[in-house]
């Protein structure tokens, strides 16, 4: 039996990578706004952040737009976001807060 037994076909990534977003002027965007095609992303705010970071898809996040990336909303672990481009992820938080993104490529 291989480690891929019982895996759904078409959902496995052949490669991927990681991007770190540091929030400046209260906002940040995945891959600095440069297109980075993917099959999906795992998003996780750094535990040392000074505030709860908010995330939106396809439009700027703000204090009132997007979801909170808190333990209550993510189950305490990374949140899987099924997007096709890392640059579609927008973040809002306190300056110097960090969000880590691991993306899957096909």
C-alpha atoms as a PDB file:
ATOM      1  CA  UNK A   1       0.000   0.000   0.000  1.00  0.00           C
ATOM      2  CA  UNK A   2       1.346   3.426  -0.887  1.00  0.00           C
ATOM      3  CA  UNK A   3       0.879   6.724   0.914  1.00  0.00           C
ATOM      4  CA  UNK A   4      -1.545   7.671  -1.887  1.00  0.00           C
ATOM      5  CA  UNK A   5      -3.979   4.835  -1.190  1.00  0.00           C
ATOM      6  CA  UNK A   6      -7.532   6.100  -0.699  1.00  0.00           C
ATOM      7  CA  UNK A   7      -6.606   9.559  -2.036  1.00  0.00           C
ATOM      8  CA  UNK A   8      -9.098  11.223  -4.343  1.00  0.00           C
ATOM      9  CA  UNK A   9      -7.854  11.352  -7.933  1.00  0.00           C
ATOM     10  CA  UNK A  10      -7.264  14.829  -9.261  1.00  0.00           C
ATOM     11  CA  UNK A  11      -6.667  16.308  -5.811  1.00  0.00           C
ATOM     12  CA  UNK A  12      -2.985  15.451  -5.445  1.00  0.00           C
ATOM     13  CA  UNK A  13      -0.449  18.147  -6.110  1.00  0.00           C
ATOM     14  CA  UNK A  14       2.710  17.280  -7.969  1.00  0.00           C
ATOM     15  CA  UNK A  15       4.511  20.245  -6.447  1.00  0.00           C
ATOM     16  CA  UNK A  16       3.912  23.472  -4.614  1.00  0.00           C
ATOM     17  CA  UNK A  17       5.619  26.039  -2.491  1.00  0.00           C
ATOM     18  CA  UNK A  18       5.204  28.589   0.254  1.00  0.00           C
ATOM     19  CA  UNK A  19       4.663  32.329   0.398  1.00  0.00           C
ATOM     20  CA  UNK A  20       4.888  34.547   3.470  1.00  0.00           C
ATOM     21  CA  UNK A  21       2.771  37.699   3.525  1.00  0.00           C
ATOM     22  CA  UNK A  22       3.790  40.505   5.887  1.00  0.00           C
ATOM     23  CA  UNK A  23       1.025  43.016   6.419  1.00  0.00           C
ATOM     24  CA  UNK A  24       2.004  46.648   5.764  1.00  0.00           C
ATOM     25  CA  UNK A  25      -0.331  49.640   6.102  1.00  0.00           C
ATOM     26  CA  UNK A  26      -2.913  47.183   7.481  1.00  0.00           C
ATOM     27  CA  UNK A  27      -3.197  45.205   4.205  1.00  0.00           C
ATOM     28  CA  UNK A  28      -1.438  42.389   2.365  1.00  0.00           C
ATOM     29  CA  UNK A  29      -1.982  40.287  -0.737  1.00  0.00           C
ATOM     30  CA  UNK A  30      -0.912  36.752  -1.580  1.00  0.00           C
ATOM     31  CA  UNK A  31       2.390  36.656  -3.513  1.00  0.00           C
ATOM     32  CA  UNK A  32       2.571  40.457  -3.402  1.00  0.00           C
ATOM     33  CA  UNK A  33      -0.220  40.677  -5.983  1.00  0.00           C
ATOM     34  CA  UNK A  34       1.774  38.813  -8.645  1.00  0.00           C
ATOM     35  CA  UNK A  35      -0.141  35.952 -10.261  1.00  0.00           C
ATOM     36  CA  UNK A  36       0.856  32.509  -8.956  1.00  0.00           C
ATOM     37  CA  UNK A  37      -1.447  29.769 -10.314  1.00  0.00           C
ATOM     38  CA  UNK A  38      -2.264  26.941  -7.907  1.00  0.00           C
ATOM     39  CA  UNK A  39      -4.751  24.171  -7.111  1.00  0.00           C
ATOM     40  CA  UNK A  40      -5.472  25.546  -3.655  1.00  0.00           C
ATOM     41  CA  UNK A  41      -3.795  27.008  -0.577  1.00  0.00           C
ATOM     42  CA  UNK A  42      -3.393  26.281   3.094  1.00  0.00           C
ATOM     43  CA  UNK A  43      -3.481  29.607   4.952  1.00  0.00           C
ATOM     44  CA  UNK A  44      -2.220  30.087   8.497  1.00  0.00           C
ATOM     45  CA  UNK A  45      -1.635  33.304  10.443  1.00  0.00           C
ATOM     46  CA  UNK A  46       1.518  33.357  12.568  1.00  0.00           C
ATOM     47  CA  UNK A  47       0.905  32.652  16.247  1.00  0.00           C
ATOM     48  CA  UNK A  48       2.916  35.733  17.263  1.00  0.00           C
ATOM     49  CA  UNK A  49       0.597  38.162  15.431  1.00  0.00           C
ATOM     50  CA  UNK A  50      -0.620  41.082  17.531  1.00  0.00           C
ATOM     51  CA  UNK A  51      -4.182  40.962  16.173  1.00  0.00           C
ATOM     52  CA  UNK A  52      -6.635  38.667  14.410  1.00  0.00           C
ATOM     53  CA  UNK A  53      -5.971  38.750  10.668  1.00  0.00           C
ATOM     54  CA  UNK A  54      -8.933  38.864   8.265  1.00  0.00           C
ATOM     55  CA  UNK A  55      -8.884  37.272   4.797  1.00  0.00           C
ATOM     56  CA  UNK A  56     -11.008  37.894   1.708  1.00  0.00           C
ATOM     57  CA  UNK A  57     -10.928  36.265  -1.731  1.00  0.00           C
ATOM     58  CA  UNK A  58     -10.826  38.404  -4.877  1.00  0.00           C
ATOM     59  CA  UNK A  59     -11.328  41.737  -3.124  1.00  0.00           C
ATOM     60  CA  UNK A  60      -9.576  43.721  -0.411  1.00  0.00           C
ATOM     61  CA  UNK A  61     -10.109  42.584   3.168  1.00  0.00           C
ATOM     62  CA  UNK A  62     -10.917  45.184   5.814  1.00  0.00           C
ATOM     63  CA  UNK A  63     -12.033  45.461   9.417  1.00  0.00           C
ATOM     64  CA  UNK A  64     -15.538  44.535   8.226  1.00  0.00           C
ATOM     65  CA  UNK A  65     -14.900  42.471   5.047  1.00  0.00           C
ATOM     66  CA  UNK A  66     -13.581  38.932   4.998  1.00  0.00           C
ATOM     67  CA  UNK A  67     -13.336  36.157   7.582  1.00  0.00           C
ATOM     68  CA  UNK A  68     -11.230  36.138  10.723  1.00  0.00           C
ATOM     69  CA  UNK A  69      -8.357  33.674  10.566  1.00  0.00           C
ATOM     70  CA  UNK A  70      -8.804  32.730  14.211  1.00  0.00           C
ATOM     71  CA  UNK A  71      -8.636  29.336  15.911  1.00  0.00           C
ATOM     72  CA  UNK A  72     -12.437  29.377  16.172  1.00  0.00           C
ATOM     73  CA  UNK A  73     -12.777  29.681  12.378  1.00  0.00           C
ATOM     74  CA  UNK A  74      -9.881  27.465  11.301  1.00  0.00           C
ATOM     75  CA  UNK A  75     -10.095  24.731  13.923  1.00  0.00           C
ATOM     76  CA  UNK A  76      -6.662  25.706  15.233  1.00  0.00           C
ATOM     77  CA  UNK A  77      -4.835  24.639  12.091  1.00  0.00           C
ATOM     78  CA  UNK A  78      -4.283  25.880   8.549  1.00  0.00           C
ATOM     79  CA  UNK A  79      -7.383  26.755   6.541  1.00  0.00           C
ATOM     80  CA  UNK A  80      -7.657  25.182   3.076  1.00  0.00           C
ATOM     81  CA  UNK A  81      -8.817  27.728   0.491  1.00  0.00           C
ATOM     82  CA  UNK A  82      -9.736  26.282  -2.957  1.00  0.00           C
ATOM     83  CA  UNK A  83      -8.509  29.122  -5.183  1.00  0.00           C
ATOM     84  CA  UNK A  84      -6.665  28.882  -8.498  1.00  0.00           C
ATOM     85  CA  UNK A  85      -4.252  31.765  -7.868  1.00  0.00           C
ATOM     86  CA  UNK A  86      -2.431  32.777  -4.680  1.00  0.00           C
ATOM     87  CA  UNK A  87      -2.764  36.463  -5.597  1.00  0.00           C
ATOM     88  CA  UNK A  88      -6.560  36.230  -5.067  1.00  0.00           C
ATOM     89  CA  UNK A  89      -6.004  36.165  -1.294  1.00  0.00           C
ATOM     90  CA  UNK A  90      -6.222  39.519   0.491  1.00  0.00           C
ATOM     91  CA  UNK A  91      -5.441  40.128   4.160  1.00  0.00           C
ATOM     92  CA  UNK A  92      -6.124  42.811   6.748  1.00  0.00           C
ATOM     93  CA  UNK A  93      -4.450  43.129  10.141  1.00  0.00           C
ATOM     94  CA  UNK A  94      -1.991  45.061  12.219  1.00  0.00           C
ATOM     95  CA  UNK A  95       1.262  46.189  10.575  1.00  0.00           C
ATOM     96  CA  UNK A  96       3.949  43.466  10.604  1.00  0.00           C
ATOM     97  CA  UNK A  97       1.464  40.639  11.214  1.00  0.00           C
ATOM     98  CA  UNK A  98       2.386  37.588   9.133  1.00  0.00           C
ATOM     99  CA  UNK A  99       0.337  35.044   7.179  1.00  0.00           C
ATOM    100  CA  UNK A 100       1.935  31.864   5.842  1.00  0.00           C
ATOM    101  CA  UNK A 101       0.546  30.299   2.660  1.00  0.00           C
ATOM    102  CA  UNK A 102       1.403  26.854   1.342  1.00  0.00           C
ATOM    103  CA  UNK A 103       0.127  26.394  -2.200  1.00  0.00           C
ATOM    104  CA  UNK A 104      -0.433  23.262  -4.264  1.00  0.00           C
ATOM    105  CA  UNK A 105       0.468  23.088  -7.940  1.00  0.00           C
ATOM    106  CA  UNK A 106      -0.575  20.523 -10.497  1.00  0.00           C
END
